[in-house]
PDB file of N, CA and C in Angstrom:
ATOM      1  N   UNK A   1     109.270  92.599  94.619  1.00  0.00           N
ATOM      2  CA  UNK A   1     110.067  92.939  93.495  1.00  0.00           C
ATOM      3  C   UNK A   1     109.818  91.651  93.082  1.00  0.00           C
ATOM      4  N   UNK A   2     110.551  91.390  92.247  1.00  0.00           N
ATOM      5  CA  UNK A   2     110.894  90.405  91.151  1.00  0.00           C
ATOM      6  C   UNK A   2     112.512  90.272  91.427  1.00  0.00           C
ATOM      7  N   UNK A   3     112.934  88.778  91.017  1.00  0.00           N
ATOM      8  CA  UNK A   3     114.064  88.162  91.725  1.00  0.00           C
ATOM      9  C   UNK A   3     115.317  88.600  90.968  1.00  0.00           C
ATOM     10  N   UNK A   4     115.116  89.574  89.801  1.00  0.00           N
ATOM     11  CA  UNK A   4     116.026  89.873  88.680  1.00  0.00           C
ATOM     12  C   UNK A   4     116.013  91.475  89.212  1.00  0.00           C
ATOM     13  N   UNK A   5     115.343  92.171  89.768  1.00  0.00           N
ATOM     14  CA  UNK A   5     115.442  93.220  90.497  1.00  0.00           C
ATOM     15  C   UNK A   5     116.781  93.823  91.179  1.00  0.00           C
ATOM     16  N   UNK A   6     117.353  94.859  90.638  1.00  0.00           N
ATOM     17  CA  UNK A   6     118.823  95.229  91.250  1.00  0.00           C
ATOM     18  C   UNK A   6     118.349  96.770  91.035  1.00  0.00           C
ATOM     19  N   UNK A   7     118.212  97.028  92.780  1.00  0.00           N
ATOM     20  CA  UNK A   7     117.768  98.270  93.090  1.00  0.00           C
ATOM     21  C   UNK A   7     119.270  99.567  93.213  1.00  0.00           C
ATOM     22  N   UNK A   8     118.736 100.535  92.645  1.00  0.00           N
ATOM     23  CA  UNK A   8     120.242 101.713  92.314  1.00  0.00           C
ATOM     24  C   UNK A   8     119.691 102.882  93.362  1.00  0.00           C
ATOM     25  N   UNK A   9     118.950 103.221  93.630  1.00  0.00           N
ATOM     26  CA  UNK A   9     118.659 103.828  94.878  1.00  0.00           C
ATOM     27  C   UNK A   9     117.910 103.172  96.296  1.00  0.00           C
ATOM     28  N   UNK A  10     117.312 104.142  97.048  1.00  0.00           N
ATOM     29  CA  UNK A  10     117.090 103.709  98.212  1.00  0.00           C
ATOM     30  C   UNK A  10     115.611 102.913  98.283  1.00  0.00           C
ATOM     31  N   UNK A  11     115.261 101.481  98.838  1.00  0.00           N
ATOM     32  CA  UNK A  11     113.948 101.280  99.272  1.00  0.00           C
ATOM     33  C   UNK A  11     113.097 102.438  99.403  1.00  0.00           C
ATOM     34  N   UNK A  12     112.563 103.020 100.241  1.00  0.00           N
ATOM     35  CA  UNK A  12     112.098 104.383 100.708  1.00  0.00           C
ATOM     36  C   UNK A  12     111.239 104.885  99.100  1.00  0.00           C
ATOM     37  N   UNK A  13     112.269 105.282  98.183  1.00  0.00           N
ATOM     38  CA  UNK A  13     112.123 105.507  97.150  1.00  0.00           C
ATOM     39  C   UNK A  13     111.325 105.002  96.186  1.00  0.00           C
ATOM     40  N   UNK A  14     110.746 103.647  96.601  1.00  0.00           N
ATOM     41  CA  UNK A  14     109.971 103.147  95.628  1.00  0.00           C
ATOM     42  C   UNK A  14     108.353 103.747  96.002  1.00  0.00           C
ATOM     43  N   UNK A  15     108.112 103.773  97.087  1.00  0.00           N
ATOM     44  CA  UNK A  15     106.482 104.103  96.995  1.00  0.00           C
ATOM     45  C   UNK A  15     106.967 105.752  96.823  1.00  0.00           C
ATOM     46  N   UNK A  16     107.460 106.293  95.966  1.00  0.00           N
ATOM     47  CA  UNK A  16     106.804 107.971  95.725  1.00  0.00           C
ATOM     48  C   UNK A  16     106.114 107.995  94.593  1.00  0.00           C
ATOM     49  N   UNK A  17     105.089 109.054  94.732  1.00  0.00           N
ATOM     50  CA  UNK A  17     104.978 109.441  93.592  1.00  0.00           C
ATOM     51  C   UNK A  17     103.059 108.890  93.731  1.00  0.00           C
ATOM     52  N   UNK A  18     102.599 109.839  93.260  1.00  0.00           N
ATOM     53  CA  UNK A  18     101.289 108.569  92.996  1.00  0.00           C
ATOM     54  C   UNK A  18     101.009 107.840  92.388  1.00  0.00           C
ATOM     55  N   UNK A  19      99.896 106.978  92.738  1.00  0.00           N
ATOM     56  CA  UNK A  19      99.921 105.985  92.112  1.00  0.00           C
ATOM     57  C   UNK A  19      98.826 105.901  90.661  1.00  0.00           C
ATOM     58  N   UNK A  20      99.291 105.502  89.667  1.00  0.00           N
ATOM     59  CA  UNK A  20      98.415 104.799  88.491  1.00  0.00           C
ATOM     60  C   UNK A  20      98.774 103.978  87.741  1.00  0.00           C
ATOM     61  N   UNK A  21      98.163 103.736  87.245  1.00  0.00           N
ATOM     62  CA  UNK A  21      98.118 102.599  86.272  1.00  0.00           C
ATOM     63  C   UNK A  21      99.404 102.506  85.473  1.00  0.00           C
ATOM     64  N   UNK A  22      99.838 103.407  84.890  1.00  0.00           N
ATOM     65  CA  UNK A  22     101.073 103.138  83.975  1.00  0.00           C
ATOM     66  C   UNK A  22     102.674 103.427  84.877  1.00  0.00           C
ATOM     67  N   UNK A  23     101.705 104.150  86.257  1.00  0.00           N
ATOM     68  CA  UNK A  23     103.369 104.017  87.256  1.00  0.00           C
ATOM     69  C   UNK A  23     102.720 103.429  88.578  1.00  0.00           C
ATOM     70  N   UNK A  24     102.680 102.257  88.913  1.00  0.00           N
ATOM     71  CA  UNK A  24     102.350 102.091  90.336  1.00  0.00           C
ATOM     72  C   UNK A  24     103.457 102.473  91.162  1.00  0.00           C
ATOM     73  N   UNK A  25     104.565 102.231  91.058  1.00  0.00           N
ATOM     74  CA  UNK A  25     105.539 102.599  92.161  1.00  0.00           C
ATOM     75  C   UNK A  25     106.787 103.111  90.962  1.00  0.00           C
ATOM     76  N   UNK A  26     107.487 104.018  91.846  1.00  0.00           N
ATOM     77  CA  UNK A  26     108.400 104.769  91.516  1.00  0.00           C
ATOM     78  C   UNK A  26     109.615 103.861  90.560  1.00  0.00           C
ATOM     79  N   UNK A  27     109.897 103.305  89.184  1.00  0.00           N
ATOM     80  CA  UNK A  27     110.636 103.179  88.360  1.00  0.00           C
ATOM     81  C   UNK A  27     112.251 103.210  88.589  1.00  0.00           C
ATOM     82  N   UNK A  28     112.103 105.040  88.784  1.00  0.00           N
ATOM     83  CA  UNK A  28     113.219 105.157  88.417  1.00  0.00           C
ATOM     84  C   UNK A  28     114.633 104.654  89.658  1.00  0.00           C
ATOM     85  N   UNK A  29     114.357 103.845  90.542  1.00  0.00           N
ATOM     86  CA  UNK A  29     115.188 103.866  91.483  1.00  0.00           C
ATOM     87  C   UNK A  29     116.117 102.295  91.068  1.00  0.00           C
ATOM     88  N   UNK A  30     115.368 101.593  90.155  1.00  0.00           N
ATOM     89  CA  UNK A  30     115.925 100.519  89.221  1.00  0.00           C
ATOM     90  C   UNK A  30     116.835 100.468  87.984  1.00  0.00           C
ATOM     91  N   UNK A  31     118.301  99.620  88.193  1.00  0.00           N
ATOM     92  CA  UNK A  31     118.543  99.746  87.281  1.00  0.00           C
ATOM     93  C   UNK A  31     118.148  98.657  86.169  1.00  0.00           C
ATOM     94  N   UNK A  32     117.587  99.037  85.106  1.00  0.00           N
ATOM     95  CA  UNK A  32     117.207  98.842  83.876  1.00  0.00           C
ATOM     96  C   UNK A  32     117.855  98.180  82.795  1.00  0.00           C
ATOM     97  N   UNK A  33     118.911  98.035  82.768  1.00  0.00           N
ATOM     98  CA  UNK A  33     119.807  97.831  81.540  1.00  0.00           C
ATOM     99  C   UNK A  33     119.966  96.029  81.545  1.00  0.00           C
ATOM    100  N   UNK A  34     119.960  95.103  80.640  1.00  0.00           N
ATOM    101  CA  UNK A  34     119.858  93.956  80.635  1.00  0.00           C
ATOM    102  C   UNK A  34     121.548  93.702  80.680  1.00  0.00           C
ATOM    103  N   UNK A  35     122.028  94.574  80.468  1.00  0.00           N
ATOM    104  CA  UNK A  35     123.873  94.066  81.035  1.00  0.00           C
ATOM    105  C   UNK A  35     124.012  93.746  81.877  1.00  0.00           C
ATOM    106  N   UNK A  36     123.139  94.603  82.908  1.00  0.00           N
ATOM    107  CA  UNK A  36     124.130  94.829  84.308  1.00  0.00           C
ATOM    108  C   UNK A  36     122.775  93.799  85.397  1.00  0.00           C
ATOM    109  N   UNK A  37     121.895  93.249  84.434  1.00  0.00           N
ATOM    110  CA  UNK A  37     121.134  92.198  85.065  1.00  0.00           C
ATOM    111  C   UNK A  37     121.696  91.196  85.893  1.00  0.00           C
ATOM    112  N   UNK A  38     121.456  90.784  87.278  1.00  0.00           N
ATOM    113  CA  UNK A  38     122.081  89.288  87.568  1.00  0.00           C
ATOM    114  C   UNK A  38     121.699  88.316  86.672  1.00  0.00           C
ATOM    115  N   UNK A  39     122.727  87.012  86.756  1.00  0.00           N
ATOM    116  CA  UNK A  39     122.431  85.767  85.898  1.00  0.00           C
ATOM    117  C   UNK A  39     121.183  84.940  86.807  1.00  0.00           C
ATOM    118  N   UNK A  40     120.916  83.993  85.912  1.00  0.00           N
ATOM    119  CA  UNK A  40     119.984  83.388  86.660  1.00  0.00           C
ATOM    120  C   UNK A  40     120.909  82.217  88.256  1.00  0.00           C
ATOM    121  N   UNK A  41     122.083  82.219  88.023  1.00  0.00           N
ATOM    122  CA  UNK A  41     122.841  81.746  89.035  1.00  0.00           C
ATOM    123  C   UNK A  41     122.886  82.499  90.336  1.00  0.00           C
ATOM    124  N   UNK A  42     122.490  83.732  90.518  1.00  0.00           N
ATOM    125  CA  UNK A  42     122.691  84.555  91.272  1.00  0.00           C
ATOM    126  C   UNK A  42     121.636  84.898  92.028  1.00  0.00           C
ATOM    127  N   UNK A  43     121.834  84.923  93.416  1.00  0.00           N
ATOM    128  CA  UNK A  43     120.964  85.118  94.182  1.00  0.00           C
ATOM    129  C   UNK A  43     120.879  86.287  95.238  1.00  0.00           C
ATOM    130  N   UNK A  44     119.878  87.611  94.687  1.00  0.00           N
ATOM    131  CA  UNK A  44     120.036  88.448  95.082  1.00  0.00           C
ATOM    132  C   UNK A  44     119.470  88.608  96.645  1.00  0.00           C
ATOM    133  N   UNK A  45     119.624  89.478  97.753  1.00  0.00           N
ATOM    134  CA  UNK A  45     118.741  90.016  98.709  1.00  0.00           C
ATOM    135  C   UNK A  45     118.038  91.152  98.548  1.00  0.00           C
ATOM    136  N   UNK A  46     116.784  90.395  98.279  1.00  0.00           N
ATOM    137  CA  UNK A  46     115.705  92.014  97.722  1.00  0.00           C
ATOM    138  C   UNK A  46     114.508  91.449  98.726  1.00  0.00           C
ATOM    139  N   UNK A  47     113.887  92.839  99.309  1.00  0.00           N
ATOM    140  CA  UNK A  47     112.805  92.638 100.219  1.00  0.00           C
ATOM    141  C   UNK A  47     111.620  91.955  99.343  1.00  0.00           C
ATOM    142  N   UNK A  48     110.747  91.040  99.646  1.00  0.00           N
ATOM    143  CA  UNK A  48     109.501  90.508  98.725  1.00  0.00           C
ATOM    144  C   UNK A  48     108.572  91.613  98.724  1.00  0.00           C
ATOM    145  N   UNK A  49     108.065  92.345  99.969  1.00  0.00           N
ATOM    146  CA  UNK A  49     107.164  93.064  99.965  1.00  0.00           C
ATOM    147  C   UNK A  49     108.363  94.726 100.564  1.00  0.00           C
ATOM    148  N   UNK A  50     107.048  95.445 100.108  1.00  0.00           N
ATOM    149  CA  UNK A  50     107.767  96.538 100.292  1.00  0.00           C
ATOM    150  C   UNK A  50     106.452  97.606 100.918  1.00  0.00           C
ATOM    151  N   UNK A  51     106.929  98.035 102.308  1.00  0.00           N
ATOM    152  CA  UNK A  51     105.467  98.922 102.937  1.00  0.00           C
ATOM    153  C   UNK A  51     105.336 100.031 101.791  1.00  0.00           C
ATOM    154  N   UNK A  52     103.536 100.115 101.589  1.00  0.00           N
ATOM    155  CA  UNK A  52     103.371 101.055 100.788  1.00  0.00           C
ATOM    156  C   UNK A  52     103.287 101.344  99.223  1.00  0.00           C
ATOM    157  N   UNK A  53     103.583  99.857  98.986  1.00  0.00           N
ATOM    158  CA  UNK A  53     103.741  99.803  97.662  1.00  0.00           C
ATOM    159  C   UNK A  53     102.917  98.128  97.606  1.00  0.00           C
ATOM    160  N   UNK A  54     101.549  97.905  97.068  1.00  0.00           N
ATOM    161  CA  UNK A  54     100.623  96.977  97.775  1.00  0.00           C
ATOM    162  C   UNK A  54     100.128  96.810  96.018  1.00  0.00           C
ATOM    163  N   UNK A  55      99.532  95.611  95.703  1.00  0.00           N
ATOM    164  CA  UNK A  55      98.379  95.503  94.373  1.00  0.00           C
ATOM    165  C   UNK A  55      97.137  96.082  94.490  1.00  0.00           C
ATOM    166  N   UNK A  56      96.434  96.065  93.743  1.00  0.00           N
ATOM    167  CA  UNK A  56      94.803  97.283  93.769  1.00  0.00           C
ATOM    168  C   UNK A  56      94.060  96.350  95.248  1.00  0.00           C
ATOM    169  N   UNK A  57      93.513  96.940  95.820  1.00  0.00           N
ATOM    170  CA  UNK A  57      92.706  95.745  97.234  1.00  0.00           C
ATOM    171  C   UNK A  57      91.393  95.516  96.745  1.00  0.00           C
ATOM    172  N   UNK A  58      90.978  94.740  97.060  1.00  0.00           N
ATOM    173  CA  UNK A  58      89.607  94.162  96.714  1.00  0.00           C
ATOM    174  C   UNK A  58      88.564  94.493  97.101  1.00  0.00           C
ATOM    175  N   UNK A  59      87.445  95.224  96.673  1.00  0.00           N
ATOM    176  CA  UNK A  59      86.591  96.448  97.568  1.00  0.00           C
ATOM    177  C   UNK A  59      84.995  96.149  96.735  1.00  0.00           C
ATOM    178  N   UNK A  60      84.522  95.790  96.942  1.00  0.00           N
ATOM    179  CA  UNK A  60      83.055  94.632  96.571  1.00  0.00           C
ATOM    180  C   UNK A  60      82.024  94.449  97.916  1.00  0.00           C
ATOM    181  N   UNK A  61      81.048  95.407  97.100  1.00  0.00           N
ATOM    182  CA  UNK A  61      80.261  95.301  98.174  1.00  0.00           C
ATOM    183  C   UNK A  61      78.849  94.660  97.610  1.00  0.00           C
ATOM    184  N   UNK A  62      78.126  93.620  98.555  1.00  0.00           N
ATOM    185  CA  UNK A  62      76.714  93.355  98.396  1.00  0.00           C
ATOM    186  C   UNK A  62      75.877  93.901  99.342  1.00  0.00           C
ATOM    187  N   UNK A  63      74.821  93.621  98.665  1.00  0.00           N
ATOM    188  CA  UNK A  63      73.725  94.576  99.398  1.00  0.00           C
ATOM    189  C   UNK A  63      72.366  93.717  99.404  1.00  0.00           C
ATOM    190  N   UNK A  64      71.384  93.814 100.309  1.00  0.00           N
ATOM    191  CA  UNK A  64      70.385  92.977 100.333  1.00  0.00           C
ATOM    192  C   UNK A  64      69.432  94.002 101.059  1.00  0.00           C
ATOM    193  N   UNK A  65      68.069  93.756 100.118  1.00  0.00           N
ATOM    194  CA  UNK A  65      67.051  94.526 101.004  1.00  0.00           C
ATOM    195  C   UNK A  65      65.961  93.578 101.058  1.00  0.00           C
ATOM    196  N   UNK A  66      65.326  93.886 102.287  1.00  0.00           N
ATOM    197  CA  UNK A  66      63.992  92.584 102.297  1.00  0.00           C
ATOM    198  C   UNK A  66      62.817  93.125 102.983  1.00  0.00           C
ATOM    199  N   UNK A  67      61.149  92.481 101.950  1.00  0.00           N
ATOM    200  CA  UNK A  67      60.290  93.482 103.037  1.00  0.00           C
ATOM    201  C   UNK A  67      59.207  92.208 102.491  1.00  0.00           C
ATOM    202  N   UNK A  68      58.314  92.130 103.640  1.00  0.00           N
ATOM    203  CA  UNK A  68      57.301  91.311 104.138  1.00  0.00           C
ATOM    204  C   UNK A  68      56.273  92.364 103.925  1.00  0.00           C
ATOM    205  N   UNK A  69      55.040  92.134 102.705  1.00  0.00           N
ATOM    206  CA  UNK A  69      53.756  92.576 102.856  1.00  0.00           C
ATOM    207  C   UNK A  69      52.584  91.814 103.067  1.00  0.00           C
ATOM    208  N   UNK A  70      51.729  91.941 104.168  1.00  0.00           N
ATOM    209  CA  UNK A  70      50.556  91.555 104.553  1.00  0.00           C
ATOM    210  C   UNK A  70      49.563  91.727 103.882  1.00  0.00           C
ATOM    211  N   UNK A  71      48.811  90.945 103.527  1.00  0.00           N
ATOM    212  CA  UNK A  71      47.375  91.273 102.757  1.00  0.00           C
ATOM    213  C   UNK A  71      46.169  90.840 103.561  1.00  0.00           C
ATOM    214  N   UNK A  72      46.029  89.644 103.858  1.00  0.00           N
ATOM    215  CA  UNK A  72      45.199  89.486 104.895  1.00  0.00           C
ATOM    216  C   UNK A  72      45.682  88.519 106.284  1.00  0.00           C
ATOM    217  N   UNK A  73      44.784  88.369 107.198  1.00  0.00           N
ATOM    218  CA  UNK A  73      45.799  87.291 107.940  1.00  0.00           C
ATOM    219  C   UNK A  73      46.902  86.577 107.699  1.00  0.00           C
ATOM    220  N   UNK A  74      46.704  85.532 106.742  1.00  0.00           N
ATOM    221  CA  UNK A  74      47.201  84.432 106.145  1.00  0.00           C
ATOM    222  C   UNK A  74      47.875  84.621 104.872  1.00  0.00           C
ATOM    223  N   UNK A  75      47.548  85.552 104.437  1.00  0.00           N
ATOM    224  CA  UNK A  75      48.389  85.538 102.737  1.00  0.00           C
ATOM    225  C   UNK A  75      49.106  87.172 102.818  1.00  0.00           C
ATOM    226  N   UNK A  76      50.461  86.344 102.729  1.00  0.00           N
ATOM    227  CA  UNK A  76      52.005  87.194 102.813  1.00  0.00           C
ATOM    228  C   UNK A  76      52.018  87.161 101.277  1.00  0.00           C
ATOM    229  N   UNK A  77      52.961  88.556 101.237  1.00  0.00           N
ATOM    230  CA  UNK A  77      54.388  88.631 100.095  1.00  0.00           C
ATOM    231  C   UNK A  77      55.487  89.215 100.198  1.00  0.00           C
ATOM    232  N   UNK A  78      56.388  88.000 100.280  1.00  0.00           N
ATOM    233  CA  UNK A  78      57.661  88.664 100.670  1.00  0.00           C
ATOM    234  C   UNK A  78      58.642  88.751  99.963  1.00  0.00           C
ATOM    235  N   UNK A  79      59.240  90.057  99.818  1.00  0.00           N
ATOM    236  CA  UNK A  79      60.108  90.524  98.543  1.00  0.00           C
ATOM    237  C   UNK A  79      61.425  90.588  98.985  1.00  0.00           C
ATOM    238  N   UNK A  80      62.530  90.145  98.169  1.00  0.00           N
ATOM    239  CA  UNK A  80      63.925  90.251  98.895  1.00  0.00           C
ATOM    240  C   UNK A  80      64.910  90.979  97.107  1.00  0.00           C
ATOM    241  N   UNK A  81      65.515  92.176  97.199  1.00  0.00           N
ATOM    242  CA  UNK A  81      66.640  92.645  96.382  1.00  0.00           C
ATOM    243  C   UNK A  81      67.981  92.293  96.822  1.00  0.00           C
ATOM    244  N   UNK A  82      68.313  91.402  95.827  1.00  0.00           N
ATOM    245  CA  UNK A  82      69.920  91.616  96.225  1.00  0.00           C
ATOM    246  C   UNK A  82      71.136  91.896  95.309  1.00  0.00           C
ATOM    247  N   UNK A  83      72.105  93.061  95.845  1.00  0.00           N
ATOM    248  CA  UNK A  83      72.687  93.135  94.538  1.00  0.00           C
ATOM    249  C   UNK A  83      74.389  92.937  95.055  1.00  0.00           C
ATOM    250  N   UNK A  84      74.788  92.217  94.258  1.00  0.00           N
ATOM    251  CA  UNK A  84      76.394  91.673  94.238  1.00  0.00           C
ATOM    252  C   UNK A  84      76.788  92.184  92.980  1.00  0.00           C
ATOM    253  N   UNK A  85      78.088  92.851  93.920  1.00  0.00           N
ATOM    254  CA  UNK A  85      79.222  93.570  93.685  1.00  0.00           C
ATOM    255  C   UNK A  85      78.137  95.009  93.130  1.00  0.00           C
ATOM    256  N   UNK A  86      77.759  95.734  94.179  1.00  0.00           N
ATOM    257  CA  UNK A  86      76.673  96.550  94.087  1.00  0.00           C
ATOM    258  C   UNK A  86      77.279  98.158  93.268  1.00  0.00           C
ATOM    259  N   UNK A  87      78.470  98.399  93.599  1.00  0.00           N
ATOM    260  CA  UNK A  87      79.137  99.642  92.567  1.00  0.00           C
ATOM    261  C   UNK A  87      79.946  99.326  91.338  1.00  0.00           C
ATOM    262  N   UNK A  88      80.314  97.688  91.376  1.00  0.00           N
ATOM    263  CA  UNK A  88      80.295  97.743  89.919  1.00  0.00           C
ATOM    264  C   UNK A  88      81.950  98.339  90.163  1.00  0.00           C
ATOM    265  N   UNK A  89      82.666  97.876  90.996  1.00  0.00           N
ATOM    266  CA  UNK A  89      84.217  98.237  90.547  1.00  0.00           C
ATOM    267  C   UNK A  89      84.974  97.364  90.033  1.00  0.00           C
ATOM    268  N   UNK A  90      85.885  97.950  89.300  1.00  0.00           N
ATOM    269  CA  UNK A  90      86.804  96.765  88.494  1.00  0.00           C
ATOM    270  C   UNK A  90      88.347  96.566  89.579  1.00  0.00           C
ATOM    271  N   UNK A  91      88.320  95.504  89.750  1.00  0.00           N
ATOM    272  CA  UNK A  91      89.801  95.265  90.636  1.00  0.00           C
ATOM    273  C   UNK A  91      90.999  94.759  89.493  1.00  0.00           C
ATOM    274  N   UNK A  92      92.335  95.881  90.145  1.00  0.00           N
ATOM    275  CA  UNK A  92      93.622  95.389  88.946  1.00  0.00           C
ATOM    276  C   UNK A  92      94.190  94.358  89.523  1.00  0.00           C
ATOM    277  N   UNK A  93      95.288  93.978  88.520  1.00  0.00           N
ATOM    278  CA  UNK A  93      96.121  93.490  88.715  1.00  0.00           C
ATOM    279  C   UNK A  93      97.056  93.622  89.476  1.00  0.00           C
ATOM    280  N   UNK A  94      98.034  92.964  89.630  1.00  0.00           N
ATOM    281  CA  UNK A  94      99.476  93.159  90.750  1.00  0.00           C
ATOM    282  C   UNK A  94     100.059  93.749  89.434  1.00  0.00           C
ATOM    283  N   UNK A  95     101.034  94.769  89.876  1.00  0.00           N
ATOM    284  CA  UNK A  95     102.228  95.835  88.566  1.00  0.00           C
ATOM    285  C   UNK A  95     102.728  94.786  88.156  1.00  0.00           C
ATOM    286  N   UNK A  96     103.490  94.840  86.710  1.00  0.00           N
ATOM    287  CA  UNK A  96     104.988  93.847  86.637  1.00  0.00           C
ATOM    288  C   UNK A  96     105.885  94.361  87.379  1.00  0.00           C
ATOM    289  N   UNK A  97     106.544  93.325  87.586  1.00  0.00           N
ATOM    290  CA  UNK A  97     107.594  93.416  88.994  1.00  0.00           C
ATOM    291  C   UNK A  97     109.103  93.145  88.154  1.00  0.00           C
ATOM    292  N   UNK A  98     109.102  92.950  86.373  1.00  0.00           N
ATOM    293  CA  UNK A  98     110.310  92.296  86.196  1.00  0.00           C
ATOM    294  C   UNK A  98     111.069  94.082  85.248  1.00  0.00           C
ATOM    295  N   UNK A  99     112.312  93.918  85.807  1.00  0.00           N
ATOM    296  CA  UNK A  99     112.688  95.279  85.083  1.00  0.00           C
ATOM    297  C   UNK A  99     113.163  95.510  83.946  1.00  0.00           C
ATOM    298  N   UNK A 100     113.832  94.104  83.474  1.00  0.00           N
ATOM    299  CA  UNK A 100     113.470  94.268  82.087  1.00  0.00           C
ATOM    300  C   UNK A 100     112.828  94.417  81.158  1.00  0.00           C
ATOM    301  N   UNK A 101     111.278  94.377  81.674  1.00  0.00           N
ATOM    302  CA  UNK A 101     109.807  94.535  80.880  1.00  0.00           C
ATOM    303  C   UNK A 101     109.715  96.011  80.431  1.00  0.00           C
ATOM    304  N   UNK A 102     109.260  96.035  79.306  1.00  0.00           N
ATOM    305  CA  UNK A 102     108.777  97.639  78.870  1.00  0.00           C
ATOM    306  C   UNK A 102     107.725  98.117  79.632  1.00  0.00           C
ATOM    307  N   UNK A 103     106.818  96.566  80.014  1.00  0.00           N
ATOM    308  CA  UNK A 103     105.500  97.321  81.150  1.00  0.00           C
ATOM    309  C   UNK A 103     106.036  97.146  83.120  1.00  0.00           C
ATOM    310  N   UNK A 104     107.677  97.593  83.016  1.00  0.00           N
ATOM    311  CA  UNK A 104     107.952  97.110  84.774  1.00  0.00           C
ATOM    312  C   UNK A 104     107.109  98.308  85.031  1.00  0.00           C
ATOM    313  N   UNK A 105     106.632  98.379  86.727  1.00  0.00           N
ATOM    314  CA  UNK A 105     106.181  99.253  87.313  1.00  0.00           C
ATOM    315  C   UNK A 105     104.618  99.468  86.689  1.00  0.00           C
ATOM    316  N   UNK A 106     103.789  98.613  85.726  1.00  0.00           N
ATOM    317  CA  UNK A 106     102.331  99.166  85.090  1.00  0.00           C
ATOM    318  C   UNK A 106     101.915  98.008  85.531  1.00  0.00           C
ATOM    319  N   UNK A 107     100.247  98.104  85.386  1.00  0.00           N
ATOM    320  CA  UNK A 107      99.681  97.459  85.599  1.00  0.00           C
ATOM    321  C   UNK A 107      98.681  97.215  84.441  1.00  0.00           C
ATOM    322  N   UNK A 108      98.969  96.280  84.014  1.00  0.00           N
ATOM    323  CA  UNK A 108      98.194  95.664  82.975  1.00  0.00           C
ATOM    324  C   UNK A 108      97.235  94.616  82.628  1.00  0.00           C
ATOM    325  N   UNK A 109      96.570  94.218  84.185  1.00  0.00           N
ATOM    326  CA  UNK A 109      95.789  93.058  84.091  1.00  0.00           C
ATOM    327  C   UNK A 109      94.452  93.518  84.903  1.00  0.00           C
ATOM    328  N   UNK A 110      93.176  92.972  84.861  1.00  0.00           N
ATOM    329  CA  UNK A 110      92.619  93.165  86.310  1.00  0.00           C
ATOM    330  C   UNK A 110      91.909  91.203  86.307  1.00  0.00           C
ATOM    331  N   UNK A 111      91.929  91.419  87.508  1.00  0.00           N
ATOM    332  CA  UNK A 111      91.401  89.988  88.475  1.00  0.00           C
ATOM    333  C   UNK A 111      90.031  89.983  88.046  1.00  0.00           C
ATOM    334  N   UNK A 112      89.487  88.928  88.219  1.00  0.00           N
ATOM    335  CA  UNK A 112      88.042  88.005  87.634  1.00  0.00           C
ATOM    336  C   UNK A 112      87.155  88.607  88.229  1.00  0.00           C
ATOM    337  N   UNK A 113      86.613  90.110  88.510  1.00  0.00           N
ATOM    338  CA  UNK A 113      85.779  90.646  89.246  1.00  0.00           C
ATOM    339  C   UNK A 113      84.373  90.249  89.017  1.00  0.00           C
ATOM    340  N   UNK A 114      83.328  90.001  89.335  1.00  0.00           N
ATOM    341  CA  UNK A 114      82.027  89.380  88.974  1.00  0.00           C
ATOM    342  C   UNK A 114      81.326  91.054  88.366  1.00  0.00           C
ATOM    343  N   UNK A 115      80.253  90.733  87.543  1.00  0.00           N
ATOM    344  CA  UNK A 115      79.848  92.186  86.742  1.00  0.00           C
ATOM    345  C   UNK A 115      78.882  92.350  88.259  1.00  0.00           C
ATOM    346  N   UNK A 116      77.996  93.562  88.085  1.00  0.00           N
ATOM    347  CA  UNK A 116      77.102  93.325  88.871  1.00  0.00           C
ATOM    348  C   UNK A 116      76.283  93.290  88.542  1.00  0.00           C
ATOM    349  N   UNK A 117      75.300  92.327  89.412  1.00  0.00           N
ATOM    350  CA  UNK A 117      74.293  91.207  89.586  1.00  0.00           C
ATOM    351  C   UNK A 117      73.036  92.230  90.455  1.00  0.00           C
ATOM    352  N   UNK A 118      71.940  92.003  90.161  1.00  0.00           N
ATOM    353  CA  UNK A 118      70.839  92.624  90.620  1.00  0.00           C
ATOM    354  C   UNK A 118      69.604  91.590  90.298  1.00  0.00           C
ATOM    355  N   UNK A 119      69.406  90.342  91.741  1.00  0.00           N
ATOM    356  CA  UNK A 119      68.498  89.954  91.810  1.00  0.00           C
ATOM    357  C   UNK A 119      67.052  90.403  92.939  1.00  0.00           C
ATOM    358  N   UNK A 120      66.222  89.832  91.767  1.00  0.00           N
ATOM    359  CA  UNK A 120      64.639  89.974  92.862  1.00  0.00           C
ATOM    360  C   UNK A 120      63.757  88.856  92.871  1.00  0.00           C
ATOM    361  N   UNK A 121      63.346  88.512  93.968  1.00  0.00           N
ATOM    362  CA  UNK A 121      62.426  87.584  94.149  1.00  0.00           C
ATOM    363  C   UNK A 121      61.237  88.259  95.071  1.00  0.00           C
ATOM    364  N   UNK A 122      60.280  87.154  94.739  1.00  0.00           N
ATOM    365  CA  UNK A 122      59.214  86.935  95.344  1.00  0.00           C
ATOM    366  C   UNK A 122      58.795  86.115  95.805  1.00  0.00           C
ATOM    367  N   UNK A 123      57.896  85.567  96.426  1.00  0.00           N
ATOM    368  CA  UNK A 123      57.113  84.179  97.686  1.00  0.00           C
ATOM    369  C   UNK A 123      56.479  84.791  98.422  1.00  0.00           C
ATOM    370  N   UNK A 124      55.353  84.227  97.886  1.00  0.00           N
ATOM    371  CA  UNK A 124      53.893  84.691  98.581  1.00  0.00           C
ATOM    372  C   UNK A 124      53.469  83.271  99.078  1.00  0.00           C
ATOM    373  N   UNK A 125      53.028  83.613 100.883  1.00  0.00           N
ATOM    374  CA  UNK A 125      52.835  82.631 101.233  1.00  0.00           C
ATOM    375  C   UNK A 125      51.366  82.828 101.827  1.00  0.00           C
ATOM    376  N   UNK A 126      50.684  81.640 102.115  1.00  0.00           N
ATOM    377  CA  UNK A 126      49.482  81.449 102.063  1.00  0.00           C
ATOM    378  C   UNK A 126      48.864  80.509 103.782  1.00  0.00           C
TER     379      UNK A 126
END
């Protein structure tokens, strides 16, 4: 979580509830009042990682299929199909961890995931 996060409840309560883009973790357990936020010179001890609360995972599938066709003893055709990011899944960025932000706990970005690319190659050999 952020360096200005001030927890009002238990750390285990943060991971409660369903994961949605509008509420990636339980934001009710944080003190969100700017008047109660620590000043820049304060050092708070707060875990940097909380088990069960993670950013969206990378899930990119690349597929490949290849086949060779023989027409004569010397003449053959090799065909190859590549599919990069075959299922075209979006990977979202990390949630906003600033409790003073109106987007606290929300995911508002996506990573630079490549689009789906399909490539077909052919090669004639004699």
